[in-house]
Every structure is written in C-alpha cells, then in structure tokens.
Amino acid sequence: MSAVVTAIGGVVIALVILLVVLSGRMSKRARAGLELIVGVLMYPTVTALWGWQAYQRFGDGDWIYAGLMSVATVVMATTGIYAIRRRTLAPFAKSAK
C-alpha cells in the first residue's frame, strides 16, 4: 500500500507543480483537464490512505485516532466526489465573477 501511495503521490505533486507553474499559459480547457486528472488521482488515493490508517488504528485499539481518521476519510471522500463532479480541485471555493 505504501509503495502505491508514494508513487501516486509523486505523480500528483508533479502535476500540481506543473499546474501552478504553467496555469497562466494554459488554455482554460487544458487547465480544467489537468485539474480533473489531479482530482481523480488525489482524492481517492488520500481517502484510501486515511481509511487504511483508521482501519489499522481500530485494530490497535487507538480509538481516538481511529475516529479522527474516519471522520477525515469521510470528509475527503465527500470533497472528492464534489470536486470530480464539478471538475475542479476546490469544489467549495467561491467562483470568480
């Protein structure tokens, strides 16, 4: 699990850096496509990682940490669903006028 998360995390970080550096030069369509790719990779990976951490902590008897990670997992999954459906990395941000 760690190797997969590390590999996907590296790709996501590289894509975010690319998005930040080149966003001014990219067309809206290209930027939206890159944001969608980052969102599809990032949100499920982080959700799975935090869910796995919660599962492991429940097994260890660390109820407080497991509960916090469970809540974080649900929040990240919900945010990811909204982000992917709205095709943006910040689904709850106010839109520019």
C-alpha atoms as a PDB file:
ATOM      1  CA  MET A   1       0.000   0.000   0.000  1.00  0.00           C
ATOM      2  CA  SER A   2       2.796   2.420   0.864  1.00  0.00           C
ATOM      3  CA  ALA A   3       4.569   1.987  -2.458  1.00  0.00           C
ATOM      4  CA  VAL A   4       1.378   2.648  -4.422  1.00  0.00           C
ATOM      5  CA  VAL A   5       0.514   5.731  -2.354  1.00  0.00           C
ATOM      6  CA  THR A   6       4.078   7.030  -2.702  1.00  0.00           C
ATOM      7  CA  ALA A   7       4.054   6.547  -6.472  1.00  0.00           C
ATOM      8  CA  ILE A   8       0.659   8.165  -6.975  1.00  0.00           C
ATOM      9  CA  GLY A   9       1.575  10.925  -4.512  1.00  0.00           C
ATOM     10  CA  GLY A  10       4.696  11.747  -6.515  1.00  0.00           C
ATOM     11  CA  VAL A  11       2.706  11.959  -9.735  1.00  0.00           C
ATOM     12  CA  VAL A  12       0.062  14.162  -8.100  1.00  0.00           C
ATOM     13  CA  ILE A  13       2.675  16.512  -6.627  1.00  0.00           C
ATOM     14  CA  ALA A  14       4.388  16.806 -10.015  1.00  0.00           C
ATOM     15  CA  LEU A  15       1.067  17.561 -11.718  1.00  0.00           C
ATOM     16  CA  VAL A  16       0.152  20.181  -9.104  1.00  0.00           C
ATOM     17  CA  ILE A  17       3.530  21.874  -9.552  1.00  0.00           C
ATOM     18  CA  LEU A  18       3.017  21.783 -13.318  1.00  0.00           C
ATOM     19  CA  LEU A  19      -0.452  23.246 -12.848  1.00  0.00           C
ATOM     20  CA  VAL A  20       0.862  26.080 -10.664  1.00  0.00           C
ATOM     21  CA  VAL A  21       3.799  26.919 -12.907  1.00  0.00           C
ATOM     22  CA  LEU A  22       2.002  26.737 -16.239  1.00  0.00           C
ATOM     23  CA  SER A  23      -1.579  27.677 -15.339  1.00  0.00           C
ATOM     24  CA  GLY A  24      -1.180  31.206 -16.700  1.00  0.00           C
ATOM     25  CA  ARG A  25      -0.047  29.895 -20.074  1.00  0.00           C
ATOM     26  CA  MET A  26      -2.572  27.076 -20.381  1.00  0.00           C
ATOM     27  CA  SER A  27      -5.934  27.372 -22.040  1.00  0.00           C
ATOM     28  CA  LYS A  28      -8.996  27.008 -19.819  1.00  0.00           C
ATOM     29  CA  ARG A  29      -9.787  23.647 -21.357  1.00  0.00           C
ATOM     30  CA  ALA A  30      -6.272  22.275 -20.782  1.00  0.00           C
ATOM     31  CA  ARG A  31      -6.209  23.588 -17.204  1.00  0.00           C
ATOM     32  CA  ALA A  32      -9.625  22.056 -16.479  1.00  0.00           C
ATOM     33  CA  GLY A  33      -8.454  18.725 -17.908  1.00  0.00           C
ATOM     34  CA  LEU A  34      -5.300  18.746 -15.777  1.00  0.00           C
ATOM     35  CA  GLU A  35      -7.329  19.649 -12.681  1.00  0.00           C
ATOM     36  CA  LEU A  36      -9.640  16.722 -13.388  1.00  0.00           C
ATOM     37  CA  ILE A  37      -6.701  14.316 -13.713  1.00  0.00           C
ATOM     38  CA  VAL A  38      -5.167  15.575 -10.456  1.00  0.00           C
ATOM     39  CA  GLY A  39      -8.514  15.289  -8.677  1.00  0.00           C
ATOM     40  CA  VAL A  40      -9.172  11.770  -9.946  1.00  0.00           C
ATOM     41  CA  LEU A  41      -5.722  10.681  -8.726  1.00  0.00           C
ATOM     42  CA  MET A  42      -5.520  12.672  -5.488  1.00  0.00           C
ATOM     43  CA  TYR A  43      -8.887  12.346  -3.786  1.00  0.00           C
ATOM     44  CA  PRO A  44      -9.278   8.530  -3.975  1.00  0.00           C
ATOM     45  CA  THR A  45      -5.621   7.998  -3.003  1.00  0.00           C
ATOM     46  CA  VAL A  46      -5.811  10.205   0.087  1.00  0.00           C
ATOM     47  CA  THR A  47      -9.218   8.763   1.004  1.00  0.00           C
ATOM     48  CA  ALA A  48      -7.866   5.207   0.769  1.00  0.00           C
ATOM     49  CA  LEU A  49      -4.743   6.092   2.746  1.00  0.00           C
ATOM     50  CA  TRP A  50      -6.682   7.747   5.567  1.00  0.00           C
ATOM     51  CA  GLY A  51      -9.259   4.932   5.561  1.00  0.00           C
ATOM     52  CA  TRP A  52      -6.451   2.399   5.844  1.00  0.00           C
ATOM     53  CA  GLN A  53      -4.914   4.342   8.734  1.00  0.00           C
ATOM     54  CA  ALA A  54      -8.286   4.380  10.522  1.00  0.00           C
ATOM     55  CA  TYR A  55      -8.678   0.624   9.973  1.00  0.00           C
ATOM     56  CA  GLN A  56      -5.209  -0.097  11.348  1.00  0.00           C
ATOM     57  CA  ARG A  57      -5.762   2.099  14.412  1.00  0.00           C
ATOM     58  CA  PHE A  58      -9.092   0.393  15.171  1.00  0.00           C
ATOM     59  CA  GLY A  59      -7.183  -2.902  15.185  1.00  0.00           C
ATOM     60  CA  ASP A  60      -4.574  -1.450  17.551  1.00  0.00           C
ATOM     61  CA  GLY A  61      -7.229  -0.131  19.929  1.00  0.00           C
ATOM     62  CA  ASP A  62      -6.350   3.531  19.371  1.00  0.00           C
ATOM     63  CA  TRP A  63      -9.967   4.675  19.256  1.00  0.00           C
ATOM     64  CA  ILE A  64      -9.420   8.437  19.302  1.00  0.00           C
ATOM     65  CA  TYR A  65      -7.001   8.447  16.366  1.00  0.00           C
ATOM     66  CA  ALA A  66      -9.131   5.918  14.502  1.00  0.00           C
ATOM     67  CA  GLY A  67     -12.230   8.059  14.979  1.00  0.00           C
ATOM     68  CA  LEU A  68     -10.457  11.190  13.781  1.00  0.00           C
ATOM     69  CA  MET A  69      -9.102   9.402  10.722  1.00  0.00           C
ATOM     70  CA  SER A  70     -12.565   8.000   9.984  1.00  0.00           C
ATOM     71  CA  VAL A  71     -14.056  11.497  10.042  1.00  0.00           C
ATOM     72  CA  ALA A  72     -11.206  12.792   7.860  1.00  0.00           C
ATOM     73  CA  THR A  73     -11.805   9.920   5.429  1.00  0.00           C
ATOM     74  CA  VAL A  74     -15.486  10.770   5.093  1.00  0.00           C
ATOM     75  CA  VAL A  75     -14.720  14.480   4.622  1.00  0.00           C
ATOM     76  CA  MET A  76     -12.076  13.745   1.976  1.00  0.00           C
ATOM     77  CA  ALA A  77     -14.345  11.302   0.143  1.00  0.00           C
ATOM     78  CA  THR A  78     -17.202  13.827   0.120  1.00  0.00           C
ATOM     79  CA  THR A  79     -14.927  16.627  -1.069  1.00  0.00           C
ATOM     80  CA  GLY A  80     -13.515  14.330  -3.750  1.00  0.00           C
ATOM     81  CA  ILE A  81     -16.955  13.444  -5.056  1.00  0.00           C
ATOM     82  CA  TYR A  82     -17.921  17.113  -5.282  1.00  0.00           C
ATOM     83  CA  ALA A  83     -14.569  18.024  -6.861  1.00  0.00           C
ATOM     84  CA  ILE A  84     -14.736  15.361  -9.541  1.00  0.00           C
ATOM     85  CA  ARG A  85     -18.388  16.092 -10.327  1.00  0.00           C
ATOM     86  CA  ARG A  86     -17.683  19.829 -10.595  1.00  0.00           C
ATOM     87  CA  ARG A  87     -14.373  19.227 -12.394  1.00  0.00           C
ATOM     88  CA  THR A  88     -12.282  21.403 -10.089  1.00  0.00           C
ATOM     89  CA  LEU A  89      -9.766  20.890  -7.290  1.00  0.00           C
ATOM     90  CA  ALA A  90     -11.542  23.343  -4.982  1.00  0.00           C
ATOM     91  CA  PRO A  91     -15.232  22.449  -5.184  1.00  0.00           C
ATOM     92  CA  PHE A  92     -16.340  24.724  -2.350  1.00  0.00           C
ATOM     93  CA  ALA A  93     -14.363  27.821  -3.384  1.00  0.00           C
ATOM     94  CA  LYS A  94     -16.276  30.891  -4.445  1.00  0.00           C
ATOM     95  CA  SER A  95     -16.247  31.281  -8.186  1.00  0.00           C
ATOM     96  CA  ALA A  96     -14.646  34.347  -9.715  1.00  0.00           C
ATOM     97  CA  LYS A  97     -17.040  36.951 -11.054  1.00  0.00           C
END
